[in-house]
Amino acid sequence: MIAVLKGSFVFLADLIRQLDFPLEIEFAQLSSYGRGKESAGKIKVVQDVRSDIKGRHVLVVEDIIDTGLTAAFFLDYLGKKKPASLKLCSLTDKP
């Protein structure tokens, strides 16, 4: 599992408690904001995952999908690392 910081941390903790199988947790931090709260339009990876995900099953845990741009960027970014599978789990999907 890869949790997108900082928002998904509490959701991740609740999700982990419900799962009954071994798993590894990684954290990543992304930024799509400029100086204020308005999106700068450009997404960057501030903190990357530390483990090699090649050939592994990966679940990205996010708290809120707002426009979907950040999630799409991150899934594409991780997909280039050749995981066996790549899925997204979000607490909320804003319409």
PDB file of N, CA and C in Angstrom:
ATOM      1  N   MET A   1       0.843  -1.176   0.000  1.00  0.00           N
ATOM      2  CA  MET A   1       0.000   0.000   0.000  1.00  0.00           C
ATOM      3  C   MET A   1       0.882   1.231   0.000  1.00  0.00           C
ATOM      4  N   ILE A   2       0.461   2.200  -0.776  1.00  0.00           N
ATOM      5  CA  ILE A   2       1.146   3.488  -0.789  1.00  0.00           C
ATOM      6  C   ILE A   2       0.128   4.544  -0.385  1.00  0.00           C
ATOM      7  N   ALA A   3       0.366   5.189   0.736  1.00  0.00           N
ATOM      8  CA  ALA A   3      -0.512   6.249   1.218  1.00  0.00           C
ATOM      9  C   ALA A   3       0.000   7.584   0.713  1.00  0.00           C
ATOM     10  N   VAL A   4      -0.908   8.371   0.172  1.00  0.00           N
ATOM     11  CA  VAL A   4      -0.552   9.713  -0.275  1.00  0.00           C
ATOM     12  C   VAL A   4      -0.724  10.653   0.914  1.00  0.00           C
ATOM     13  N   LEU A   5       0.399  11.204   1.366  1.00  0.00           N
ATOM     14  CA  LEU A   5       0.390  12.100   2.526  1.00  0.00           C
ATOM     15  C   LEU A   5      -0.121  13.475   2.132  1.00  0.00           C
ATOM     16  N   LYS A   6      -0.685  14.163   3.045  1.00  0.00           N
ATOM     17  CA  LYS A   6      -0.870  13.838   4.433  1.00  0.00           C
ATOM     18  C   LYS A   6      -2.298  13.387   4.686  1.00  0.00           C
ATOM     19  N   GLY A   7      -3.172  13.722   3.773  1.00  0.00           N
ATOM     20  CA  GLY A   7      -4.597  13.513   3.973  1.00  0.00           C
ATOM     21  C   GLY A   7      -5.055  12.088   4.174  1.00  0.00           C
ATOM     22  N   SER A   8      -4.388  11.121   3.582  1.00  0.00           N
ATOM     23  CA  SER A   8      -4.883   9.740   3.633  1.00  0.00           C
ATOM     24  C   SER A   8      -4.458   8.981   4.881  1.00  0.00           C
ATOM     25  N   PHE A   9      -3.666   9.598   5.737  1.00  0.00           N
ATOM     26  CA  PHE A   9      -3.080   8.885   6.867  1.00  0.00           C
ATOM     27  C   PHE A   9      -4.121   8.241   7.788  1.00  0.00           C
ATOM     28  N   VAL A  10      -5.150   8.979   8.183  1.00  0.00           N
ATOM     29  CA  VAL A  10      -6.171   8.437   9.097  1.00  0.00           C
ATOM     30  C   VAL A  10      -6.989   7.355   8.393  1.00  0.00           C
ATOM     31  N   PHE A  11      -7.373   7.597   7.136  1.00  0.00           N
ATOM     32  CA  PHE A  11      -8.103   6.589   6.359  1.00  0.00           C
ATOM     33  C   PHE A  11      -7.272   5.322   6.226  1.00  0.00           C
ATOM     34  N   LEU A  12      -5.988   5.466   5.953  1.00  0.00           N
ATOM     35  CA  LEU A  12      -5.084   4.315   5.845  1.00  0.00           C
ATOM     36  C   LEU A  12      -5.081   3.508   7.139  1.00  0.00           C
ATOM     37  N   ALA A  13      -4.972   4.183   8.274  1.00  0.00           N
ATOM     38  CA  ALA A  13      -4.945   3.493   9.570  1.00  0.00           C
ATOM     39  C   ALA A  13      -6.227   2.688   9.780  1.00  0.00           C
ATOM     40  N   ASP A  14      -7.365   3.280   9.464  1.00  0.00           N
ATOM     41  CA  ASP A  14      -8.641   2.565   9.601  1.00  0.00           C
ATOM     42  C   ASP A  14      -8.720   1.385   8.635  1.00  0.00           C
ATOM     43  N   LEU A  15      -8.255   1.570   7.426  1.00  0.00           N
ATOM     44  CA  LEU A  15      -8.276   0.509   6.418  1.00  0.00           C
ATOM     45  C   LEU A  15      -7.397  -0.668   6.829  1.00  0.00           C
ATOM     46  N   ILE A  16      -6.211  -0.386   7.310  1.00  0.00           N
ATOM     47  CA  ILE A  16      -5.277  -1.443   7.722  1.00  0.00           C
ATOM     48  C   ILE A  16      -5.882  -2.312   8.821  1.00  0.00           C
ATOM     49  N   ARG A  17      -6.591  -1.683   9.750  1.00  0.00           N
ATOM     50  CA  ARG A  17      -7.196  -2.437  10.858  1.00  0.00           C
ATOM     51  C   ARG A  17      -8.233  -3.449  10.367  1.00  0.00           C
ATOM     52  N   GLN A  18      -8.805  -3.214   9.204  1.00  0.00           N
ATOM     53  CA  GLN A  18      -9.835  -4.105   8.665  1.00  0.00           C
ATOM     54  C   GLN A  18      -9.273  -5.235   7.808  1.00  0.00           C
ATOM     55  N   LEU A  19      -8.000  -5.170   7.481  1.00  0.00           N
ATOM     56  CA  LEU A  19      -7.390  -6.174   6.603  1.00  0.00           C
ATOM     57  C   LEU A  19      -6.685  -7.244   7.416  1.00  0.00           C
ATOM     58  N   ASP A  20      -6.839  -8.480   6.984  1.00  0.00           N
ATOM     59  CA  ASP A  20      -6.277  -9.602   7.733  1.00  0.00           C
ATOM     60  C   ASP A  20      -5.280 -10.376   6.870  1.00  0.00           C
ATOM     61  N   PHE A  21      -4.304  -9.676   6.344  1.00  0.00           N
ATOM     62  CA  PHE A  21      -3.233 -10.316   5.582  1.00  0.00           C
ATOM     63  C   PHE A  21      -1.995  -9.422   5.667  1.00  0.00           C
ATOM     64  N   PRO A  22      -0.831 -10.004   5.466  1.00  0.00           N
ATOM     65  CA  PRO A  22       0.398  -9.211   5.578  1.00  0.00           C
ATOM     66  C   PRO A  22       0.493  -8.173   4.452  1.00  0.00           C
ATOM     67  N   LEU A  23       0.983  -7.016   4.798  1.00  0.00           N
ATOM     68  CA  LEU A  23       1.165  -5.971   3.806  1.00  0.00           C
ATOM     69  C   LEU A  23       2.290  -5.043   4.229  1.00  0.00           C
ATOM     70  N   GLU A  24       2.772  -4.290   3.280  1.00  0.00           N
ATOM     71  CA  GLU A  24       3.802  -3.292   3.552  1.00  0.00           C
ATOM     72  C   GLU A  24       3.228  -1.920   3.239  1.00  0.00           C
ATOM     73  N   ILE A  25       3.636  -0.944   4.025  1.00  0.00           N
ATOM     74  CA  ILE A  25       3.147   0.417   3.858  1.00  0.00           C
ATOM     75  C   ILE A  25       4.280   1.314   3.382  1.00  0.00           C
ATOM     76  N   GLU A  26       3.980   2.120   2.406  1.00  0.00           N
ATOM     77  CA  GLU A  26       4.898   3.148   1.910  1.00  0.00           C
ATOM     78  C   GLU A  26       4.142   4.470   1.917  1.00  0.00           C
ATOM     79  N   PHE A  27       4.877   5.544   1.910  1.00  0.00           N
ATOM     80  CA  PHE A  27       4.265   6.868   1.880  1.00  0.00           C
ATOM     81  C   PHE A  27       4.845   7.678   0.733  1.00  0.00           C
ATOM     82  N   ALA A  28       4.006   8.505   0.151  1.00  0.00           N
ATOM     83  CA  ALA A  28       4.445   9.428  -0.892  1.00  0.00           C
ATOM     84  C   ALA A  28       3.745  10.754  -0.638  1.00  0.00           C
ATOM     85  N   GLN A  29       4.386  11.813  -1.055  1.00  0.00           N
ATOM     86  CA  GLN A  29       3.765  13.128  -0.924  1.00  0.00           C
ATOM     87  C   GLN A  29       3.834  13.827  -2.272  1.00  0.00           C
ATOM     88  N   LEU A  30       2.694  14.356  -2.672  1.00  0.00           N
ATOM     89  CA  LEU A  30       2.580  15.045  -3.954  1.00  0.00           C
ATOM     90  C   LEU A  30       2.175  16.489  -3.704  1.00  0.00           C
ATOM     91  N   SER A  31       2.466  17.340  -4.660  1.00  0.00           N
ATOM     92  CA  SER A  31       2.065  18.736  -4.546  1.00  0.00           C
ATOM     93  C   SER A  31       1.559  19.220  -5.891  1.00  0.00           C
ATOM     94  N   SER A  32       0.408  19.878  -5.855  1.00  0.00           N
ATOM     95  CA  SER A  32      -0.115  20.502  -7.069  1.00  0.00           C
ATOM     96  C   SER A  32      -0.465  21.954  -6.784  1.00  0.00           C
ATOM     97  N   TYR A  33       0.039  22.470  -5.695  1.00  0.00           N
ATOM     98  CA  TYR A  33      -0.306  23.821  -5.283  1.00  0.00           C
ATOM     99  C   TYR A  33       0.880  24.756  -5.384  1.00  0.00           C
ATOM    100  N   GLY A  34       0.574  26.006  -5.669  1.00  0.00           N
ATOM    101  CA  GLY A  34       1.581  27.062  -5.676  1.00  0.00           C
ATOM    102  C   GLY A  34       1.712  27.611  -4.271  1.00  0.00           C
ATOM    103  N   ARG A  35       1.820  28.904  -4.154  1.00  0.00           N
ATOM    104  CA  ARG A  35       1.982  29.538  -2.842  1.00  0.00           C
ATOM    105  C   ARG A  35       0.685  29.545  -2.034  1.00  0.00           C
ATOM    106  N   GLY A  36      -0.443  29.659  -2.692  1.00  0.00           N
ATOM    107  CA  GLY A  36      -1.719  29.695  -1.991  1.00  0.00           C
ATOM    108  C   GLY A  36      -2.395  28.342  -2.030  1.00  0.00           C
ATOM    109  N   LYS A  37      -3.723  28.379  -1.974  1.00  0.00           N
ATOM    110  CA  LYS A  37      -4.481  27.135  -2.021  1.00  0.00           C
ATOM    111  C   LYS A  37      -4.975  26.824  -3.426  1.00  0.00           C
ATOM    112  N   GLU A  38      -4.647  27.670  -4.377  1.00  0.00           N
ATOM    113  CA  GLU A  38      -5.020  27.424  -5.763  1.00  0.00           C
ATOM    114  C   GLU A  38      -4.017  26.473  -6.399  1.00  0.00           C
ATOM    115  N   SER A  39      -4.512  25.589  -7.227  1.00  0.00           N
ATOM    116  CA  SER A  39      -3.631  24.646  -7.912  1.00  0.00           C
ATOM    117  C   SER A  39      -2.713  25.391  -8.869  1.00  0.00           C
ATOM    118  N   ALA A  40      -1.461  24.991  -8.868  1.00  0.00           N
ATOM    119  CA  ALA A  40      -0.499  25.573  -9.797  1.00  0.00           C
ATOM    120  C   ALA A  40      -0.591  24.878 -11.152  1.00  0.00           C
ATOM    121  N   GLY A  41      -1.349  23.779 -11.217  1.00  0.00           N
ATOM    122  CA  GLY A  41      -1.516  23.054 -12.465  1.00  0.00           C
ATOM    123  C   GLY A  41      -0.430  22.034 -12.732  1.00  0.00           C
ATOM    124  N   LYS A  42       0.692  22.173 -12.091  1.00  0.00           N
ATOM    125  CA  LYS A  42       1.793  21.231 -12.286  1.00  0.00           C
ATOM    126  C   LYS A  42       1.932  20.381 -11.025  1.00  0.00           C
ATOM    127  N   ILE A  43       1.920  19.079 -11.206  1.00  0.00           N
ATOM    128  CA  ILE A  43       2.011  18.160 -10.071  1.00  0.00           C
ATOM    129  C   ILE A  43       3.441  17.672  -9.959  1.00  0.00           C
ATOM    130  N   LYS A  44       3.924  17.606  -8.738  1.00  0.00           N
ATOM    131  CA  LYS A  44       5.278  17.087  -8.531  1.00  0.00           C
ATOM    132  C   LYS A  44       5.290  16.119  -7.358  1.00  0.00           C
ATOM    133  N   VAL A  45       6.221  15.188  -7.408  1.00  0.00           N
ATOM    134  CA  VAL A  45       6.420  14.235  -6.321  1.00  0.00           C
ATOM    135  C   VAL A  45       7.392  14.878  -5.341  1.00  0.00           C
ATOM    136  N   VAL A  46       6.905  15.175  -4.148  1.00  0.00           N
ATOM    137  CA  VAL A  46       7.725  15.798  -3.113  1.00  0.00           C
ATOM    138  C   VAL A  46       8.491  14.729  -2.346  1.00  0.00           C
ATOM    139  N   GLN A  47       7.816  13.623  -2.047  1.00  0.00           N
ATOM    140  CA  GLN A  47       8.436  12.479  -1.366  1.00  0.00           C
ATOM    141  C   GLN A  47       8.039  11.221  -2.127  1.00  0.00           C
ATOM    142  N   ASP A  48       9.009  10.524  -2.667  1.00  0.00           N
ATOM    143  CA  ASP A  48       8.755   9.316  -3.451  1.00  0.00           C
ATOM    144  C   ASP A  48       8.752   8.089  -2.538  1.00  0.00           C
ATOM    145  N   VAL A  49       8.191   6.996  -3.021  1.00  0.00           N
ATOM    146  CA  VAL A  49       8.241   5.733  -2.289  1.00  0.00           C
ATOM    147  C   VAL A  49       9.686   5.254  -2.250  1.00  0.00           C
ATOM    148  N   ARG A  50      10.041   4.576  -1.193  1.00  0.00           N
ATOM    149  CA  ARG A  50      11.425   4.131  -1.021  1.00  0.00           C
ATOM    150  C   ARG A  50      11.660   2.715  -1.525  1.00  0.00           C
ATOM    151  N   SER A  51      10.620   1.910  -1.545  1.00  0.00           N
ATOM    152  CA  SER A  51      10.756   0.511  -1.970  1.00  0.00           C
ATOM    153  C   SER A  51      10.619   0.381  -3.479  1.00  0.00           C
ATOM    154  N   ASP A  52      11.232  -0.664  -4.012  1.00  0.00           N
ATOM    155  CA  ASP A  52      11.083  -1.003  -5.424  1.00  0.00           C
ATOM    156  C   ASP A  52       9.742  -1.712  -5.586  1.00  0.00           C
ATOM    157  N   ILE A  53       8.858  -1.173  -6.407  1.00  0.00           N
ATOM    158  CA  ILE A  53       7.530  -1.774  -6.575  1.00  0.00           C
ATOM    159  C   ILE A  53       7.437  -2.635  -7.833  1.00  0.00           C
ATOM    160  N   LYS A  54       8.512  -2.793  -8.545  1.00  0.00           N
ATOM    161  CA  LYS A  54       8.507  -3.593  -9.768  1.00  0.00           C
ATOM    162  C   LYS A  54       8.045  -5.022  -9.455  1.00  0.00           C
ATOM    163  N   GLY A  55       7.035  -5.490 -10.195  1.00  0.00           N
ATOM    164  CA  GLY A  55       6.528  -6.841 -10.029  1.00  0.00           C
ATOM    165  C   GLY A  55       5.671  -7.055  -8.792  1.00  0.00           C
ATOM    166  N   ARG A  56       5.333  -5.987  -8.087  1.00  0.00           N
ATOM    167  CA  ARG A  56       4.534  -6.108  -6.858  1.00  0.00           C
ATOM    168  C   ARG A  56       3.131  -5.554  -7.089  1.00  0.00           C
ATOM    169  N   HIS A  57       2.192  -6.031  -6.286  1.00  0.00           N
ATOM    170  CA  HIS A  57       0.822  -5.534  -6.339  1.00  0.00           C
ATOM    171  C   HIS A  57       0.751  -4.291  -5.466  1.00  0.00           C
ATOM    172  N   VAL A  58       0.259  -3.197  -6.040  1.00  0.00           N
ATOM    173  CA  VAL A  58       0.276  -1.907  -5.354  1.00  0.00           C
ATOM    174  C   VAL A  58      -1.136  -1.343  -5.261  1.00  0.00           C
ATOM    175  N   LEU A  59      -1.496  -0.906  -4.064  1.00  0.00           N
ATOM    176  CA  LEU A  59      -2.750  -0.204  -3.822  1.00  0.00           C
ATOM    177  C   LEU A  59      -2.400   1.191  -3.328  1.00  0.00           C
ATOM    178  N   VAL A  60      -2.824   2.202  -4.068  1.00  0.00           N
ATOM    179  CA  VAL A  60      -2.609   3.589  -3.666  1.00  0.00           C
ATOM    180  C   VAL A  60      -3.815   4.023  -2.846  1.00  0.00           C
ATOM    181  N   VAL A  61      -3.566   4.559  -1.659  1.00  0.00           N
ATOM    182  CA  VAL A  61      -4.635   4.994  -0.760  1.00  0.00           C
ATOM    183  C   VAL A  61      -4.635   6.518  -0.709  1.00  0.00           C
ATOM    184  N   GLU A  62      -5.786   7.090  -1.043  1.00  0.00           N
ATOM    185  CA  GLU A  62      -5.952   8.542  -1.096  1.00  0.00           C
ATOM    186  C   GLU A  62      -7.180   8.913  -0.286  1.00  0.00           C
ATOM    187  N   ASP A  63      -7.222  10.117   0.260  1.00  0.00           N
ATOM    188  CA  ASP A  63      -8.397  10.518   1.026  1.00  0.00           C
ATOM    189  C   ASP A  63      -9.497  11.082   0.129  1.00  0.00           C
ATOM    190  N   ILE A  64      -9.151  12.034  -0.722  1.00  0.00           N
ATOM    191  CA  ILE A  64     -10.154  12.684  -1.566  1.00  0.00           C
ATOM    192  C   ILE A  64      -9.653  12.786  -3.005  1.00  0.00           C
ATOM    193  N   ILE A  65     -10.503  12.380  -3.929  1.00  0.00           N
ATOM    194  CA  ILE A  65     -10.247  12.622  -5.343  1.00  0.00           C
ATOM    195  C   ILE A  65     -11.083  13.845  -5.703  1.00  0.00           C
ATOM    196  N   ASP A  66     -10.423  14.937  -6.009  1.00  0.00           N
ATOM    197  CA  ASP A  66     -11.131  16.179  -6.313  1.00  0.00           C
ATOM    198  C   ASP A  66     -11.353  16.286  -7.821  1.00  0.00           C
ATOM    199  N   THR A  67     -10.323  16.615  -8.563  1.00  0.00           N
ATOM    200  CA  THR A  67     -10.440  16.680 -10.025  1.00  0.00           C
ATOM    201  C   THR A  67      -9.991  15.383 -10.678  1.00  0.00           C
ATOM    202  N   GLY A  68      -9.195  14.600  -9.956  1.00  0.00           N
ATOM    203  CA  GLY A  68      -8.654  13.362 -10.500  1.00  0.00           C
ATOM    204  C   GLY A  68      -7.305  13.535 -11.170  1.00  0.00           C
ATOM    205  N   LEU A  69      -6.861  14.770 -11.341  1.00  0.00           N
ATOM    206  CA  LEU A  69      -5.593  15.020 -12.026  1.00  0.00           C
ATOM    207  C   LEU A  69      -4.398  14.495 -11.242  1.00  0.00           C
ATOM    208  N   THR A  70      -4.384  14.732  -9.941  1.00  0.00           N
ATOM    209  CA  THR A  70      -3.265  14.269  -9.119  1.00  0.00           C
ATOM    210  C   THR A  70      -3.229  12.747  -9.079  1.00  0.00           C
ATOM    211  N   ALA A  71      -4.385  12.115  -8.906  1.00  0.00           N
ATOM    212  CA  ALA A  71      -4.447  10.651  -8.874  1.00  0.00           C
ATOM    213  C   ALA A  71      -3.987  10.071 -10.210  1.00  0.00           C
ATOM    214  N   ALA A  72      -4.448  10.650 -11.313  1.00  0.00           N
ATOM    215  CA  ALA A  72      -4.047  10.162 -12.638  1.00  0.00           C
ATOM    216  C   ALA A  72      -2.543  10.317 -12.841  1.00  0.00           C
ATOM    217  N   PHE A  73      -2.011  11.463 -12.425  1.00  0.00           N
ATOM    218  CA  PHE A  73      -0.569  11.693 -12.533  1.00  0.00           C
ATOM    219  C   PHE A  73       0.208  10.637 -11.748  1.00  0.00           C
ATOM    220  N   PHE A  74      -0.219  10.397 -10.494  1.00  0.00           N
ATOM    221  CA  PHE A  74       0.526   9.482  -9.629  1.00  0.00           C
ATOM    222  C   PHE A  74       0.424   8.040 -10.115  1.00  0.00           C
ATOM    223  N   LEU A  75      -0.744   7.631 -10.584  1.00  0.00           N
ATOM    224  CA  LEU A  75      -0.887   6.274 -11.118  1.00  0.00           C
ATOM    225  C   LEU A  75      -0.013   6.091 -12.358  1.00  0.00           C
ATOM    226  N   ASP A  76       0.036   7.100 -13.211  1.00  0.00           N
ATOM    227  CA  ASP A  76       0.908   7.039 -14.387  1.00  0.00           C
ATOM    228  C   ASP A  76       2.376   6.981 -13.962  1.00  0.00           C
ATOM    229  N   TYR A  77       2.737   7.796 -12.987  1.00  0.00           N
ATOM    230  CA  TYR A  77       4.107   7.841 -12.461  1.00  0.00           C
ATOM    231  C   TYR A  77       4.519   6.473 -11.903  1.00  0.00           C
ATOM    232  N   LEU A  78       3.634   5.883 -11.088  1.00  0.00           N
ATOM    233  CA  LEU A  78       3.939   4.573 -10.502  1.00  0.00           C
ATOM    234  C   LEU A  78       3.921   3.472 -11.555  1.00  0.00           C
ATOM    235  N   GLY A  79       3.053   3.584 -12.542  1.00  0.00           N
ATOM    236  CA  GLY A  79       2.971   2.587 -13.604  1.00  0.00           C
ATOM    237  C   GLY A  79       4.283   2.422 -14.355  1.00  0.00           C
ATOM    238  N   LYS A  80       5.053   3.487 -14.441  1.00  0.00           N
ATOM    239  CA  LYS A  80       6.361   3.434 -15.104  1.00  0.00           C
ATOM    240  C   LYS A  80       7.377   2.624 -14.311  1.00  0.00           C
ATOM    241  N   LYS A  81       7.048   2.338 -13.045  1.00  0.00           N
ATOM    242  CA  LYS A  81       7.931   1.525 -12.199  1.00  0.00           C
ATOM    243  C   LYS A  81       7.606   0.036 -12.321  1.00  0.00           C
ATOM    244  N   LYS A  82       6.689  -0.312 -13.216  1.00  0.00           N
ATOM    245  CA  LYS A  82       6.343  -1.691 -13.585  1.00  0.00           C
ATOM    246  C   LYS A  82       5.810  -2.568 -12.442  1.00  0.00           C
ATOM    247  N   PRO A  83       4.793  -2.097 -11.690  1.00  0.00           N
ATOM    248  CA  PRO A  83       4.195  -2.986 -10.691  1.00  0.00           C
ATOM    249  C   PRO A  83       3.397  -4.095 -11.380  1.00  0.00           C
ATOM    250  N   ALA A  84       3.177  -5.207 -10.675  1.00  0.00           N
ATOM    251  CA  ALA A  84       2.364  -6.302 -11.218  1.00  0.00           C
ATOM    252  C   ALA A  84       0.921  -5.841 -11.411  1.00  0.00           C
ATOM    253  N   SER A  85       0.426  -5.051 -10.471  1.00  0.00           N
ATOM    254  CA  SER A  85      -0.904  -4.450 -10.587  1.00  0.00           C
ATOM    255  C   SER A  85      -0.880  -3.125  -9.840  1.00  0.00           C
ATOM    256  N   LEU A  86      -1.791  -2.249 -10.224  1.00  0.00           N
ATOM    257  CA  LEU A  86      -1.838  -0.913  -9.639  1.00  0.00           C
ATOM    258  C   LEU A  86      -3.291  -0.492  -9.529  1.00  0.00           C
ATOM    259  N   LYS A  87      -3.756  -0.294  -8.300  1.00  0.00           N
ATOM    260  CA  LYS A  87      -5.147   0.077  -8.039  1.00  0.00           C
ATOM    261  C   LYS A  87      -5.180   1.307  -7.144  1.00  0.00           C
ATOM    262  N   LEU A  88      -6.326   1.992  -7.158  1.00  0.00           N
ATOM    263  CA  LEU A  88      -6.526   3.186  -6.345  1.00  0.00           C
ATOM    264  C   LEU A  88      -7.715   2.981  -5.424  1.00  0.00           C
ATOM    265  N   CYS A  89      -7.543   3.324  -4.157  1.00  0.00           N
ATOM    266  CA  CYS A  89      -8.620   3.274  -3.170  1.00  0.00           C
ATOM    267  C   CYS A  89      -8.746   4.671  -2.571  1.00  0.00           C
ATOM    268  N   SER A  90      -9.936   5.261  -2.682  1.00  0.00           N
ATOM    269  CA  SER A  90     -10.157   6.605  -2.164  1.00  0.00           C
ATOM    270  C   SER A  90     -11.354   6.611  -1.227  1.00  0.00           C
ATOM    271  N   LEU A  91     -11.246   7.377  -0.153  1.00  0.00           N
ATOM    272  CA  LEU A  91     -12.351   7.515   0.789  1.00  0.00           C
ATOM    273  C   LEU A  91     -13.502   8.285   0.141  1.00  0.00           C
ATOM    274  N   THR A  92     -13.183   9.356  -0.576  1.00  0.00           N
ATOM    275  CA  THR A  92     -14.198  10.219  -1.167  1.00  0.00           C
ATOM    276  C   THR A  92     -13.829  10.590  -2.594  1.00  0.00           C
ATOM    277  N   ASP A  93     -14.824  10.585  -3.468  1.00  0.00           N
ATOM    278  CA  ASP A  93     -14.647  11.034  -4.845  1.00  0.00           C
ATOM    279  C   ASP A  93     -15.605  12.196  -5.052  1.00  0.00           C
ATOM    280  N   LYS A  94     -15.059  13.416  -5.073  1.00  0.00           N
ATOM    281  CA  LYS A  94     -15.908  14.593  -5.255  1.00  0.00           C
ATOM    282  C   LYS A  94     -16.409  14.655  -6.693  1.00  0.00           C
ATOM    283  N   PRO A  95     -17.714  14.896  -6.871  1.00  0.00           N
ATOM    284  CA  PRO A  95     -18.238  15.022  -8.242  1.00  0.00           C
ATOM    285  C   PRO A  95     -17.884  16.377  -8.842  1.00  0.00           C
TER     286      PRO A  95
END
